Amino acid sequence: LMSKVTFTNEQMSETLAWQDSKKASADESAVHFLTTYKTIWADWLSPEAKEKLAAVLK
């Protein structure tokens, strides 16, 4: 899985800035990343895993 994980510095910076401004936890920041960058993480997962995660994020 980790070999497929890629994102830009800008995406990470935005996520960390969001975390700081909201005083959010790591888990909350992960959810923010996943809901903001769906097109990024979708390629990291199998179709089954993608479907399960998308259902959880709704």
PDB file of N, CA and C in Angstrom:
ATOM      1  N   LEU A   1       0.823  -1.202   0.000  1.00  0.00           N
ATOM      2  CA  LEU A   1       0.000   0.000   0.000  1.00  0.00           C
ATOM      3  C   LEU A   1       0.860   1.257   0.000  1.00  0.00           C
ATOM      4  N   MET A   2       1.829   1.335   0.872  1.00  0.00           N
ATOM      5  CA  MET A   2       2.602   2.579   0.994  1.00  0.00           C
ATOM      6  C   MET A   2       3.383   2.918  -0.272  1.00  0.00           C
ATOM      7  N   SER A   3       3.696   1.936  -1.085  1.00  0.00           N
ATOM      8  CA  SER A   3       4.416   2.238  -2.324  1.00  0.00           C
ATOM      9  C   SER A   3       3.556   3.040  -3.299  1.00  0.00           C
ATOM     10  N   LYS A   4       2.247   3.017  -3.125  1.00  0.00           N
ATOM     11  CA  LYS A   4       1.333   3.761  -3.994  1.00  0.00           C
ATOM     12  C   LYS A   4       1.023   5.164  -3.471  1.00  0.00           C
ATOM     13  N   VAL A   5       1.375   5.428  -2.237  1.00  0.00           N
ATOM     14  CA  VAL A   5       0.999   6.690  -1.596  1.00  0.00           C
ATOM     15  C   VAL A   5       1.882   7.833  -2.090  1.00  0.00           C
ATOM     16  N   THR A   6       1.253   8.813  -2.717  1.00  0.00           N
ATOM     17  CA  THR A   6       1.948  10.032  -3.139  1.00  0.00           C
ATOM     18  C   THR A   6       1.005  11.218  -2.966  1.00  0.00           C
ATOM     19  N   PHE A   7       1.570  12.337  -2.601  1.00  0.00           N
ATOM     20  CA  PHE A   7       0.837  13.593  -2.515  1.00  0.00           C
ATOM     21  C   PHE A   7       1.863  14.703  -2.595  1.00  0.00           C
ATOM     22  N   THR A   8       1.397  15.885  -2.914  1.00  0.00           N
ATOM     23  CA  THR A   8       2.317  17.005  -3.084  1.00  0.00           C
ATOM     24  C   THR A   8       2.615  17.668  -1.743  1.00  0.00           C
ATOM     25  N   ASN A   9       3.680  18.422  -1.721  1.00  0.00           N
ATOM     26  CA  ASN A   9       3.993  19.215  -0.529  1.00  0.00           C
ATOM     27  C   ASN A   9       2.866  20.199  -0.233  1.00  0.00           C
ATOM     28  N   GLU A  10       2.277  20.753  -1.278  1.00  0.00           N
ATOM     29  CA  GLU A  10       1.171  21.698  -1.106  1.00  0.00           C
ATOM     30  C   GLU A  10      -0.023  21.030  -0.419  1.00  0.00           C
ATOM     31  N   GLN A  11      -0.336  19.809  -0.828  1.00  0.00           N
ATOM     32  CA  GLN A  11      -1.443  19.086  -0.205  1.00  0.00           C
ATOM     33  C   GLN A  11      -1.154  18.805   1.270  1.00  0.00           C
ATOM     34  N   MET A  12       0.055  18.403   1.569  1.00  0.00           N
ATOM     35  CA  MET A  12       0.415  18.136   2.962  1.00  0.00           C
ATOM     36  C   MET A  12       0.424  19.431   3.766  1.00  0.00           C
ATOM     37  N   SER A  13       0.958  20.497   3.195  1.00  0.00           N
ATOM     38  CA  SER A  13       0.985  21.788   3.890  1.00  0.00           C
ATOM     39  C   SER A  13      -0.421  22.282   4.191  1.00  0.00           C
ATOM     40  N   GLU A  14      -1.324  22.136   3.230  1.00  0.00           N
ATOM     41  CA  GLU A  14      -2.712  22.552   3.440  1.00  0.00           C
ATOM     42  C   GLU A  14      -3.337  21.746   4.568  1.00  0.00           C
ATOM     43  N   THR A  15      -3.099  20.455   4.570  1.00  0.00           N
ATOM     44  CA  THR A  15      -3.666  19.594   5.609  1.00  0.00           C
ATOM     45  C   THR A  15      -3.119  19.962   6.984  1.00  0.00           C
ATOM     46  N   LEU A  16      -1.825  20.193   7.065  1.00  0.00           N
ATOM     47  CA  LEU A  16      -1.226  20.565   8.349  1.00  0.00           C
ATOM     48  C   LEU A  16      -1.674  21.951   8.806  1.00  0.00           C
ATOM     49  N   ALA A  17      -1.844  22.871   7.862  1.00  0.00           N
ATOM     50  CA  ALA A  17      -2.349  24.204   8.210  1.00  0.00           C
ATOM     51  C   ALA A  17      -3.782  24.100   8.721  1.00  0.00           C
ATOM     52  N   TRP A  18      -4.586  23.257   8.076  1.00  0.00           N
ATOM     53  CA  TRP A  18      -5.955  23.030   8.534  1.00  0.00           C
ATOM     54  C   TRP A  18      -5.939  22.459   9.951  1.00  0.00           C
ATOM     55  N   GLN A  19      -5.077  21.477  10.179  1.00  0.00           N
ATOM     56  CA  GLN A  19      -4.968  20.855  11.500  1.00  0.00           C
ATOM     57  C   GLN A  19      -4.614  21.898  12.560  1.00  0.00           C
ATOM     58  N   ASP A  20      -3.656  22.741  12.244  1.00  0.00           N
ATOM     59  CA  ASP A  20      -3.225  23.768  13.194  1.00  0.00           C
ATOM     60  C   ASP A  20      -4.334  24.782  13.463  1.00  0.00           C
ATOM     61  N   SER A  21      -4.986  25.242  12.413  1.00  0.00           N
ATOM     62  CA  SER A  21      -6.023  26.271  12.580  1.00  0.00           C
ATOM     63  C   SER A  21      -7.235  25.753  13.339  1.00  0.00           C
ATOM     64  N   LYS A  22      -7.520  24.470  13.201  1.00  0.00           N
ATOM     65  CA  LYS A  22      -8.673  23.865  13.875  1.00  0.00           C
ATOM     66  C   LYS A  22      -8.301  23.211  15.203  1.00  0.00           C
ATOM     67  N   LYS A  23      -6.999  23.192  15.502  1.00  0.00           N
ATOM     68  CA  LYS A  23      -6.521  22.467  16.692  1.00  0.00           C
ATOM     69  C   LYS A  23      -7.025  21.025  16.644  1.00  0.00           C
ATOM     70  N   ALA A  24      -6.955  20.450  15.453  1.00  0.00           N
ATOM     71  CA  ALA A  24      -7.509  19.124  15.200  1.00  0.00           C
ATOM     72  C   ALA A  24      -6.520  18.025  15.569  1.00  0.00           C
ATOM     73  N   SER A  25      -7.068  16.863  15.852  1.00  0.00           N
ATOM     74  CA  SER A  25      -6.247  15.687  16.134  1.00  0.00           C
ATOM     75  C   SER A  25      -5.725  15.109  14.819  1.00  0.00           C
ATOM     76  N   ALA A  26      -4.815  14.172  14.937  1.00  0.00           N
ATOM     77  CA  ALA A  26      -4.296  13.495  13.745  1.00  0.00           C
ATOM     78  C   ALA A  26      -5.421  12.754  13.023  1.00  0.00           C
ATOM     79  N   ASP A  27      -6.314  12.123  13.775  1.00  0.00           N
ATOM     80  CA  ASP A  27      -7.436  11.409  13.158  1.00  0.00           C
ATOM     81  C   ASP A  27      -8.357  12.369  12.411  1.00  0.00           C
ATOM     82  N   GLU A  28      -8.647  13.508  13.012  1.00  0.00           N
ATOM     83  CA  GLU A  28      -9.494  14.504  12.350  1.00  0.00           C
ATOM     84  C   GLU A  28      -8.815  15.032  11.087  1.00  0.00           C
ATOM     85  N   SER A  29      -7.517  15.201  11.150  1.00  0.00           N
ATOM     86  CA  SER A  29      -6.769  15.680   9.987  1.00  0.00           C
ATOM     87  C   SER A  29      -6.757  14.640   8.881  1.00  0.00           C
ATOM     88  N   ALA A  30      -6.677  13.385   9.257  1.00  0.00           N
ATOM     89  CA  ALA A  30      -6.736  12.311   8.259  1.00  0.00           C
ATOM     90  C   ALA A  30      -8.082  12.323   7.549  1.00  0.00           C
ATOM     91  N   VAL A  31      -9.155  12.485   8.298  1.00  0.00           N
ATOM     92  CA  VAL A  31     -10.485  12.557   7.694  1.00  0.00           C
ATOM     93  C   VAL A  31     -10.579  13.775   6.779  1.00  0.00           C
ATOM     94  N   HIS A  32     -10.030  14.899   7.220  1.00  0.00           N
ATOM     95  CA  HIS A  32     -10.021  16.098   6.369  1.00  0.00           C
ATOM     96  C   HIS A  32      -9.285  15.809   5.060  1.00  0.00           C
ATOM     97  N   PHE A  33      -8.118  15.200   5.145  1.00  0.00           N
ATOM     98  CA  PHE A  33      -7.357  14.869   3.944  1.00  0.00           C
ATOM     99  C   PHE A  33      -8.175  13.953   3.038  1.00  0.00           C
ATOM    100  N   LEU A  34      -8.754  12.924   3.615  1.00  0.00           N
ATOM    101  CA  LEU A  34      -9.498  11.948   2.818  1.00  0.00           C
ATOM    102  C   LEU A  34     -10.728  12.554   2.159  1.00  0.00           C
ATOM    103  N   THR A  35     -11.395  13.475   2.826  1.00  0.00           N
ATOM    104  CA  THR A  35     -12.577  14.092   2.221  1.00  0.00           C
ATOM    105  C   THR A  35     -12.210  15.194   1.229  1.00  0.00           C
ATOM    106  N   THR A  36     -11.072  15.823   1.425  1.00  0.00           N
ATOM    107  CA  THR A  36     -10.637  16.903   0.538  1.00  0.00           C
ATOM    108  C   THR A  36      -9.963  16.379  -0.725  1.00  0.00           C
ATOM    109  N   TYR A  37      -9.223  15.305  -0.595  1.00  0.00           N
ATOM    110  CA  TYR A  37      -8.397  14.807  -1.699  1.00  0.00           C
ATOM    111  C   TYR A  37      -8.813  13.411  -2.148  1.00  0.00           C
ATOM    112  N   LYS A  38     -10.100  13.216  -2.382  1.00  0.00           N
ATOM    113  CA  LYS A  38     -10.610  11.899  -2.793  1.00  0.00           C
ATOM    114  C   LYS A  38      -9.937  11.391  -4.062  1.00  0.00           C
ATOM    115  N   THR A  39      -9.654  12.275  -4.983  1.00  0.00           N
ATOM    116  CA  THR A  39      -9.042  11.827  -6.237  1.00  0.00           C
ATOM    117  C   THR A  39      -7.605  11.371  -6.040  1.00  0.00           C
ATOM    118  N   ILE A  40      -6.969  11.818  -4.975  1.00  0.00           N
ATOM    119  CA  ILE A  40      -5.590  11.425  -4.696  1.00  0.00           C
ATOM    120  C   ILE A  40      -5.538  10.022  -4.120  1.00  0.00           C
ATOM    121  N   TRP A  41      -6.265   9.788  -3.015  1.00  0.00           N
ATOM    122  CA  TRP A  41      -6.151   8.504  -2.325  1.00  0.00           C
ATOM    123  C   TRP A  41      -6.876   7.374  -3.025  1.00  0.00           C
ATOM    124  N   ALA A  42      -7.782   7.678  -3.914  1.00  0.00           N
ATOM    125  CA  ALA A  42      -8.532   6.620  -4.596  1.00  0.00           C
ATOM    126  C   ALA A  42      -7.612   5.656  -5.339  1.00  0.00           C
ATOM    127  N   ASP A  43      -6.521   6.150  -5.869  1.00  0.00           N
ATOM    128  CA  ASP A  43      -5.581   5.299  -6.605  1.00  0.00           C
ATOM    129  C   ASP A  43      -4.720   4.439  -5.689  1.00  0.00           C
ATOM    130  N   TRP A  44      -4.731   4.719  -4.407  1.00  0.00           N
ATOM    131  CA  TRP A  44      -3.906   3.966  -3.460  1.00  0.00           C
ATOM    132  C   TRP A  44      -4.535   2.636  -3.065  1.00  0.00           C
ATOM    133  N   LEU A  45      -5.845   2.512  -3.247  1.00  0.00           N
ATOM    134  CA  LEU A  45      -6.595   1.394  -2.686  1.00  0.00           C
ATOM    135  C   LEU A  45      -7.163   0.471  -3.748  1.00  0.00           C
ATOM    136  N   SER A  46      -7.446  -0.748  -3.323  1.00  0.00           N
ATOM    137  CA  SER A  46      -8.159  -1.682  -4.188  1.00  0.00           C
ATOM    138  C   SER A  46      -9.592  -1.169  -4.349  1.00  0.00           C
ATOM    139  N   PRO A  47     -10.289  -1.623  -5.371  1.00  0.00           N
ATOM    140  CA  PRO A  47     -11.681  -1.180  -5.538  1.00  0.00           C
ATOM    141  C   PRO A  47     -12.547  -1.483  -4.307  1.00  0.00           C
ATOM    142  N   GLU A  48     -12.327  -2.633  -3.693  1.00  0.00           N
ATOM    143  CA  GLU A  48     -13.115  -3.006  -2.515  1.00  0.00           C
ATOM    144  C   GLU A  48     -12.829  -2.066  -1.342  1.00  0.00           C
ATOM    145  N   ALA A  49     -11.565  -1.805  -1.093  1.00  0.00           N
ATOM    146  CA  ALA A  49     -11.180  -0.917   0.007  1.00  0.00           C
ATOM    147  C   ALA A  49     -11.665   0.506  -0.256  1.00  0.00           C
ATOM    148  N   LYS A  50     -11.569   0.939  -1.498  1.00  0.00           N
ATOM    149  CA  LYS A  50     -12.028   2.286  -1.872  1.00  0.00           C
ATOM    150  C   LYS A  50     -13.524   2.434  -1.598  1.00  0.00           C
ATOM    151  N   GLU A  51     -14.286   1.420  -1.955  1.00  0.00           N
ATOM    152  CA  GLU A  51     -15.729   1.446  -1.736  1.00  0.00           C
ATOM    153  C   GLU A  51     -16.060   1.506  -0.239  1.00  0.00           C
ATOM    154  N   LYS A  52     -15.363   0.705   0.556  1.00  0.00           N
ATOM    155  CA  LYS A  52     -15.601   0.698   2.007  1.00  0.00           C
ATOM    156  C   LYS A  52     -15.253   2.046   2.633  1.00  0.00           C
ATOM    157  N   LEU A  53     -14.119   2.606   2.250  1.00  0.00           N
ATOM    158  CA  LEU A  53     -13.705   3.886   2.818  1.00  0.00           C
ATOM    159  C   LEU A  53     -14.648   5.002   2.390  1.00  0.00           C
ATOM    160  N   ALA A  54     -15.054   4.997   1.139  1.00  0.00           N
ATOM    161  CA  ALA A  54     -15.980   6.016   0.652  1.00  0.00           C
ATOM    162  C   ALA A  54     -17.294   5.959   1.427  1.00  0.00           C
ATOM    163  N   ALA A  55     -17.753   4.768   1.753  1.00  0.00           N
ATOM    164  CA  ALA A  55     -18.995   4.619   2.521  1.00  0.00           C
ATOM    165  C   ALA A  55     -18.841   5.189   3.927  1.00  0.00           C
ATOM    166  N   VAL A  56     -17.695   4.985   4.537  1.00  0.00           N
ATOM    167  CA  VAL A  56     -17.439   5.498   5.888  1.00  0.00           C
ATOM    168  C   VAL A  56     -17.374   7.020   5.888  1.00  0.00           C
ATOM    169  N   LEU A  57     -16.836   7.602   4.830  1.00  0.00           N
ATOM    170  CA  LEU A  57     -16.642   9.049   4.766  1.00  0.00           C
ATOM    171  C   LEU A  57     -17.919   9.821   4.432  1.00  0.00           C
ATOM    172  N   LYS A  58     -18.978   9.137   4.062  1.00  0.00           N
ATOM    173  CA  LYS A  58     -20.230   9.830   3.711  1.00  0.00           C
ATOM    174  C   LYS A  58     -20.893  10.404   4.916  1.00  0.00           C
TER     175      LYS A  58
END
